[in-house]
Amino acid sequence: MYEELENIYKKCLDCQKCGLGKTRTNIVFSDGIPNPKLMLIGEAPGFYEDKQGKPFVGKAGQLLDKIFECVGFSRQNDIYICNTVKCRPPENRNPEPQEKEACWEYLKAQIDIIKPKIILLCGNVAVQSILGNVGGITKIRGKWFNGDEKVHNAKLMPIFHPSYLLRNDSREKGSPKWLMWQDIKEVRKKYDEL
């Protein structure tokens, strides 16, 4: 598994299939551990991710790590993290359709190699890339979807992107942070059933 992922990573290093290849500092391929039980797919690298070459390393990533820790997960032991696109879009804009299409072969390879049982779709871009237009994240977060053969029939759960949680600080019942807590507990429960 590690060797296969390394081969895809090396192929990705030379990628110039879209304009993002010309503006990136680093490709942002993955972090965590290849775990066939749990994968998180994010949106696109931001400034800090582009500098370090790892997904979710800024403030949003620190919050994501805390969310995982609350239910006993860690990057190092439990979860494989990657993004829909592997290069930072300028000014952190959402990736364009042709950029997502250019990166699909790498994301699909990651999914095919790991064959995760659970995939967390972190934010609207990730949701749309895997599930299509099924609704906005605020309406569908926390709901389980059955993946098709392109994701090896994984259980899929859309979750809020941690950057959204940083902008919505309340922990009151019904707030985004409170909802995320409910969602991550449900993910832990499903994970333990596997």
C-alpha atoms as a PDB file:
ATOM      1  CA  MET A   1       0.000   0.000   0.000  1.00  0.00           C
ATOM      2  CA  TYR A   2       2.755   2.461   0.952  1.00  0.00           C
ATOM      3  CA  GLU A   3       4.713   1.747  -2.217  1.00  0.00           C
ATOM      4  CA  GLU A   4       1.633   2.236  -4.396  1.00  0.00           C
ATOM      5  CA  LEU A   5       0.843   5.545  -2.713  1.00  0.00           C
ATOM      6  CA  GLU A   6       4.469   6.636  -3.126  1.00  0.00           C
ATOM      7  CA  ASN A   7       4.263   5.894  -6.860  1.00  0.00           C
ATOM      8  CA  ILE A   8       1.131   8.048  -7.211  1.00  0.00           C
ATOM      9  CA  TYR A   9       2.786  10.797  -5.160  1.00  0.00           C
ATOM     10  CA  LYS A  10       5.818  10.784  -7.494  1.00  0.00           C
ATOM     11  CA  LYS A  11       3.547  10.994 -10.534  1.00  0.00           C
ATOM     12  CA  CYS A  12       1.700  13.895  -8.929  1.00  0.00           C
ATOM     13  CA  LEU A  13       4.972  15.775  -8.307  1.00  0.00           C
ATOM     14  CA  ASP A  14       5.444  16.277 -12.060  1.00  0.00           C
ATOM     15  CA  CYS A  15       1.801  17.058 -12.816  1.00  0.00           C
ATOM     16  CA  GLN A  16       1.064  20.065 -15.018  1.00  0.00           C
ATOM     17  CA  LYS A  17      -2.434  19.016 -16.150  1.00  0.00           C
ATOM     18  CA  CYS A  18      -3.939  22.340 -15.028  1.00  0.00           C
ATOM     19  CA  GLY A  19      -2.743  25.864 -14.292  1.00  0.00           C
ATOM     20  CA  LEU A  20      -2.323  25.204 -10.568  1.00  0.00           C
ATOM     21  CA  GLY A  21       0.887  23.307 -11.313  1.00  0.00           C
ATOM     22  CA  LYS A  22       2.539  26.586 -12.315  1.00  0.00           C
ATOM     23  CA  THR A  23       1.552  28.513  -9.174  1.00  0.00           C
ATOM     24  CA  ARG A  24       2.067  25.938  -6.406  1.00  0.00           C
ATOM     25  CA  THR A  25       4.998  25.835  -4.008  1.00  0.00           C
ATOM     26  CA  ASN A  26       4.417  22.169  -3.135  1.00  0.00           C
ATOM     27  CA  ILE A  27       1.931  19.511  -4.000  1.00  0.00           C
ATOM     28  CA  VAL A  28      -0.159  18.570  -0.985  1.00  0.00           C
ATOM     29  CA  PHE A  29      -0.675  14.848  -1.355  1.00  0.00           C
ATOM     30  CA  SER A  30      -1.612  13.412   2.040  1.00  0.00           C
ATOM     31  CA  ASP A  31      -0.965  13.086   5.738  1.00  0.00           C
ATOM     32  CA  GLY A  32      -1.807  10.581   8.419  1.00  0.00           C
ATOM     33  CA  ILE A  33      -1.750   6.825   8.030  1.00  0.00           C
ATOM     34  CA  PRO A  34      -3.227   4.729   5.231  1.00  0.00           C
ATOM     35  CA  ASN A  35      -6.104   3.172   7.197  1.00  0.00           C
ATOM     36  CA  PRO A  36      -8.665   1.086   5.321  1.00  0.00           C
ATOM     37  CA  LYS A  37     -11.235   2.078   7.938  1.00  0.00           C
ATOM     38  CA  LEU A  38     -11.130   5.895   7.715  1.00  0.00           C
ATOM     39  CA  MET A  39     -10.240   8.555   5.152  1.00  0.00           C
ATOM     40  CA  LEU A  40     -10.913  12.291   5.165  1.00  0.00           C
ATOM     41  CA  ILE A  41     -11.132  14.168   1.874  1.00  0.00           C
ATOM     42  CA  GLY A  42     -10.787  17.932   2.172  1.00  0.00           C
ATOM     43  CA  GLU A  43     -11.166  20.666  -0.401  1.00  0.00           C
ATOM     44  CA  ALA A  44      -7.891  22.233  -1.549  1.00  0.00           C
ATOM     45  CA  PRO A  45      -4.611  23.283   0.068  1.00  0.00           C
ATOM     46  CA  GLY A  46      -4.370  26.727   1.607  1.00  0.00           C
ATOM     47  CA  PHE A  47      -1.350  28.959   2.205  1.00  0.00           C
ATOM     48  CA  TYR A  48       0.220  26.918   5.029  1.00  0.00           C
ATOM     49  CA  GLU A  49      -0.487  23.599   3.338  1.00  0.00           C
ATOM     50  CA  ASP A  50       1.172  24.840   0.142  1.00  0.00           C
ATOM     51  CA  LYS A  51       4.243  25.913   2.138  1.00  0.00           C
ATOM     52  CA  GLN A  52       4.560  22.641   4.099  1.00  0.00           C
ATOM     53  CA  GLY A  53       3.232  20.157   1.550  1.00  0.00           C
ATOM     54  CA  LYS A  54       0.742  18.612   4.020  1.00  0.00           C
ATOM     55  CA  PRO A  55      -3.041  18.986   4.309  1.00  0.00           C
ATOM     56  CA  PHE A  56      -4.710  20.728   7.248  1.00  0.00           C
ATOM     57  CA  VAL A  57      -1.665  22.268   8.954  1.00  0.00           C
ATOM     58  CA  GLY A  58      -2.931  25.803   9.646  1.00  0.00           C
ATOM     59  CA  LYS A  59      -5.453  26.872  12.303  1.00  0.00           C
ATOM     60  CA  ALA A  60      -8.173  24.803  10.634  1.00  0.00           C
ATOM     61  CA  GLY A  61      -5.926  21.752  10.774  1.00  0.00           C
ATOM     62  CA  GLN A  62      -5.148  22.313  14.438  1.00  0.00           C
ATOM     63  CA  LEU A  63      -8.873  22.455  15.154  1.00  0.00           C
ATOM     64  CA  LEU A  64      -9.435  19.302  13.092  1.00  0.00           C
ATOM     65  CA  ASP A  65      -6.805  17.500  15.183  1.00  0.00           C
ATOM     66  CA  LYS A  66      -8.573  18.597  18.394  1.00  0.00           C
ATOM     67  CA  ILE A  67     -11.901  17.348  17.026  1.00  0.00           C
ATOM     68  CA  PHE A  68     -10.316  13.965  16.254  1.00  0.00           C
ATOM     69  CA  GLU A  69      -8.661  13.806  19.682  1.00  0.00           C
ATOM     70  CA  CYS A  70     -12.038  14.322  21.413  1.00  0.00           C
ATOM     71  CA  VAL A  71     -13.099  10.865  20.195  1.00  0.00           C
ATOM     72  CA  GLY A  72      -9.708   9.168  20.419  1.00  0.00           C
ATOM     73  CA  PHE A  73      -8.576   9.556  16.794  1.00  0.00           C
ATOM     74  CA  SER A  74      -5.197  10.876  15.665  1.00  0.00           C
ATOM     75  CA  ARG A  75      -3.608  11.462  12.258  1.00  0.00           C
ATOM     76  CA  GLN A  76      -0.682   9.272  13.181  1.00  0.00           C
ATOM     77  CA  ASN A  77      -2.754   6.215  14.108  1.00  0.00           C
ATOM     78  CA  ASP A  78      -6.241   6.322  12.645  1.00  0.00           C
ATOM     79  CA  ILE A  79      -6.903   8.480   9.602  1.00  0.00           C
ATOM     80  CA  TYR A  80      -5.648   9.127   6.086  1.00  0.00           C
ATOM     81  CA  ILE A  81      -6.099  12.758   5.025  1.00  0.00           C
ATOM     82  CA  CYS A  82      -6.029  14.080   1.478  1.00  0.00           C
ATOM     83  CA  ASN A  83      -7.678  16.792  -0.620  1.00  0.00           C
ATOM     84  CA  THR A  84      -9.831  16.972  -3.722  1.00  0.00           C
ATOM     85  CA  VAL A  85      -7.047  18.899  -5.481  1.00  0.00           C
ATOM     86  CA  LYS A  86      -3.360  18.632  -4.675  1.00  0.00           C
ATOM     87  CA  CYS A  87      -2.258  22.216  -5.456  1.00  0.00           C
ATOM     88  CA  ARG A  88      -3.331  25.490  -3.860  1.00  0.00           C
ATOM     89  CA  PRO A  89      -5.718  27.607  -5.927  1.00  0.00           C
ATOM     90  CA  PRO A  90      -4.642  31.286  -5.979  1.00  0.00           C
ATOM     91  CA  GLU A  91      -6.026  33.343  -3.076  1.00  0.00           C
ATOM     92  CA  ASN A  92      -7.519  30.128  -1.626  1.00  0.00           C
ATOM     93  CA  ARG A  93     -10.451  30.275  -4.064  1.00  0.00           C
ATOM     94  CA  ASN A  94     -12.495  27.123  -4.659  1.00  0.00           C
ATOM     95  CA  PRO A  95     -11.009  24.814  -7.281  1.00  0.00           C
ATOM     96  CA  GLU A  96     -12.539  25.121 -10.732  1.00  0.00           C
ATOM     97  CA  PRO A  97     -14.182  22.096 -12.392  1.00  0.00           C
ATOM     98  CA  GLN A  98     -11.250  21.489 -14.746  1.00  0.00           C
ATOM     99  CA  GLU A  99      -8.822  21.587 -11.794  1.00  0.00           C
ATOM    100  CA  LYS A 100     -10.865  19.005  -9.893  1.00  0.00           C
ATOM    101  CA  GLU A 101     -11.045  16.895 -13.044  1.00  0.00           C
ATOM    102  CA  ALA A 102      -7.258  17.130 -13.530  1.00  0.00           C
ATOM    103  CA  CYS A 103      -6.675  15.887  -9.962  1.00  0.00           C
ATOM    104  CA  TRP A 104      -9.357  13.187  -9.992  1.00  0.00           C
ATOM    105  CA  GLU A 105      -6.894  10.498 -11.149  1.00  0.00           C
ATOM    106  CA  TYR A 106      -4.763  11.067  -8.021  1.00  0.00           C
ATOM    107  CA  LEU A 107      -7.686  11.177  -5.594  1.00  0.00           C
ATOM    108  CA  LYS A 108      -9.232   8.109  -7.242  1.00  0.00           C
ATOM    109  CA  ALA A 109      -5.894   6.279  -6.943  1.00  0.00           C
ATOM    110  CA  GLN A 110      -5.716   7.127  -3.230  1.00  0.00           C
ATOM    111  CA  ILE A 111      -9.246   5.780  -2.730  1.00  0.00           C
ATOM    112  CA  ASP A 112      -8.511   2.674  -4.825  1.00  0.00           C
ATOM    113  CA  ILE A 113      -5.331   1.850  -2.907  1.00  0.00           C
ATOM    114  CA  ILE A 114      -6.757   2.400   0.583  1.00  0.00           C
ATOM    115  CA  LYS A 115     -10.342   1.204  -0.061  1.00  0.00           C
ATOM    116  CA  PRO A 116     -11.656   3.036   3.022  1.00  0.00           C
ATOM    117  CA  LYS A 117     -14.821   1.835   4.736  1.00  0.00           C
ATOM    118  CA  ILE A 118     -15.656   5.383   5.918  1.00  0.00           C
ATOM    119  CA  ILE A 119     -14.918   8.607   4.042  1.00  0.00           C
ATOM    120  CA  LEU A 120     -15.458  11.983   5.673  1.00  0.00           C
ATOM    121  CA  LEU A 121     -16.200  14.648   3.056  1.00  0.00           C
ATOM    122  CA  CYS A 122     -14.904  17.842   4.614  1.00  0.00           C
ATOM    123  CA  GLY A 123     -16.660  20.873   3.102  1.00  0.00           C
ATOM    124  CA  ASN A 124     -18.765  21.565   0.011  1.00  0.00           C
ATOM    125  CA  VAL A 125     -16.006  21.051  -2.568  1.00  0.00           C
ATOM    126  CA  ALA A 126     -15.287  17.530  -1.301  1.00  0.00           C
ATOM    127  CA  VAL A 127     -19.006  16.715  -1.143  1.00  0.00           C
ATOM    128  CA  GLN A 128     -19.607  17.875  -4.710  1.00  0.00           C
ATOM    129  CA  SER A 129     -16.533  16.039  -5.984  1.00  0.00           C
ATOM    130  CA  ILE A 130     -17.727  12.682  -4.641  1.00  0.00           C
ATOM    131  CA  LEU A 131     -21.523  12.940  -4.304  1.00  0.00           C
ATOM    132  CA  GLY A 132     -22.332  15.573  -6.924  1.00  0.00           C
ATOM    133  CA  ASN A 133     -24.935  18.238  -6.247  1.00  0.00           C
ATOM    134  CA  VAL A 134     -26.843  16.701  -3.316  1.00  0.00           C
ATOM    135  CA  GLY A 135     -27.279  19.948  -1.393  1.00  0.00           C
ATOM    136  CA  GLY A 136     -25.272  22.374   0.694  1.00  0.00           C
ATOM    137  CA  ILE A 137     -23.150  21.195   3.594  1.00  0.00           C
ATOM    138  CA  THR A 138     -25.437  22.765   6.226  1.00  0.00           C
ATOM    139  CA  LYS A 139     -28.347  20.602   5.017  1.00  0.00           C
ATOM    140  CA  ILE A 140     -26.512  17.290   4.533  1.00  0.00           C
ATOM    141  CA  ARG A 141     -23.766  17.306   7.180  1.00  0.00           C
ATOM    142  CA  GLY A 142     -23.954  14.470   9.637  1.00  0.00           C
ATOM    143  CA  LYS A 143     -25.973  12.218   7.314  1.00  0.00           C
ATOM    144  CA  TRP A 144     -24.642   8.912   6.052  1.00  0.00           C
ATOM    145  CA  PHE A 145     -24.569   8.339   2.308  1.00  0.00           C
ATOM    146  CA  ASN A 146     -23.861   5.025   0.628  1.00  0.00           C
ATOM    147  CA  GLY A 147     -20.986   5.380  -1.773  1.00  0.00           C
ATOM    148  CA  ASP A 148     -20.948   3.650  -5.129  1.00  0.00           C
ATOM    149  CA  GLU A 149     -18.250   1.523  -6.753  1.00  0.00           C
ATOM    150  CA  LYS A 150     -16.056   4.562  -7.511  1.00  0.00           C
ATOM    151  CA  VAL A 151     -15.451   4.828  -3.735  1.00  0.00           C
ATOM    152  CA  HIS A 152     -15.620   1.069  -3.075  1.00  0.00           C
ATOM    153  CA  ASN A 153     -19.093   1.374  -1.520  1.00  0.00           C
ATOM    154  CA  ALA A 154     -17.711   3.316   1.450  1.00  0.00           C
ATOM    155  CA  LYS A 155     -19.989   4.975   3.974  1.00  0.00           C
ATOM    156  CA  LEU A 156     -19.760   8.713   3.312  1.00  0.00           C
ATOM    157  CA  MET A 157     -20.412  11.492   5.807  1.00  0.00           C
ATOM    158  CA  PRO A 158     -20.270  15.181   4.893  1.00  0.00           C
ATOM    159  CA  ILE A 159     -18.843  17.274   7.734  1.00  0.00           C
ATOM    160  CA  PHE A 160     -18.222  20.974   8.212  1.00  0.00           C
ATOM    161  CA  HIS A 161     -14.821  22.248   7.181  1.00  0.00           C
ATOM    162  CA  PRO A 162     -12.915  23.348  10.310  1.00  0.00           C
ATOM    163  CA  SER A 163     -12.341  26.811   8.787  1.00  0.00           C
ATOM    164  CA  TYR A 164     -16.141  27.256   8.889  1.00  0.00           C
ATOM    165  CA  LEU A 165     -16.109  26.292  12.560  1.00  0.00           C
ATOM    166  CA  LEU A 166     -13.395  28.875  13.243  1.00  0.00           C
ATOM    167  CA  ARG A 167     -15.737  31.559  11.882  1.00  0.00           C
ATOM    168  CA  ASN A 168     -18.643  30.284  14.025  1.00  0.00           C
ATOM    169  CA  ASP A 169     -17.324  30.158  17.562  1.00  0.00           C
ATOM    170  CA  SER A 170     -20.525  29.388  19.510  1.00  0.00           C
ATOM    171  CA  ARG A 171     -20.819  25.988  21.194  1.00  0.00           C
ATOM    172  CA  GLU A 172     -24.532  26.394  21.922  1.00  0.00           C
ATOM    173  CA  LYS A 173     -26.848  23.514  21.078  1.00  0.00           C
ATOM    174  CA  GLY A 174     -27.544  23.642  17.337  1.00  0.00           C
ATOM    175  CA  SER A 175     -24.421  25.711  16.529  1.00  0.00           C
ATOM    176  CA  PRO A 176     -21.962  24.421  13.899  1.00  0.00           C
ATOM    177  CA  LYS A 177     -19.430  23.375  16.580  1.00  0.00           C
ATOM    178  CA  TRP A 178     -22.115  21.530  18.531  1.00  0.00           C
ATOM    179  CA  LEU A 179     -23.294  19.805  15.327  1.00  0.00           C
ATOM    180  CA  MET A 180     -19.712  18.813  14.477  1.00  0.00           C
ATOM    181  CA  TRP A 181     -19.398  17.226  17.923  1.00  0.00           C
ATOM    182  CA  GLN A 182     -22.518  15.132  17.214  1.00  0.00           C
ATOM    183  CA  ASP A 183     -21.149  14.145  13.801  1.00  0.00           C
ATOM    184  CA  ILE A 184     -17.713  13.087  15.027  1.00  0.00           C
ATOM    185  CA  LYS A 185     -19.266  10.975  17.811  1.00  0.00           C
ATOM    186  CA  GLU A 186     -21.392   9.233  15.155  1.00  0.00           C
ATOM    187  CA  VAL A 187     -18.272   8.632  13.039  1.00  0.00           C
ATOM    188  CA  ARG A 188     -16.497   7.115  16.059  1.00  0.00           C
ATOM    189  CA  LYS A 189     -19.470   4.837  16.686  1.00  0.00           C
ATOM    190  CA  LYS A 190     -19.537   3.643  13.055  1.00  0.00           C
ATOM    191  CA  TYR A 191     -15.737   3.192  13.098  1.00  0.00           C
ATOM    192  CA  ASP A 192     -15.937   0.992  16.205  1.00  0.00           C
ATOM    193  CA  GLU A 193     -18.596  -1.175  14.552  1.00  0.00           C
ATOM    194  CA  LEU A 194     -16.259  -2.065  11.673  1.00  0.00           C
END
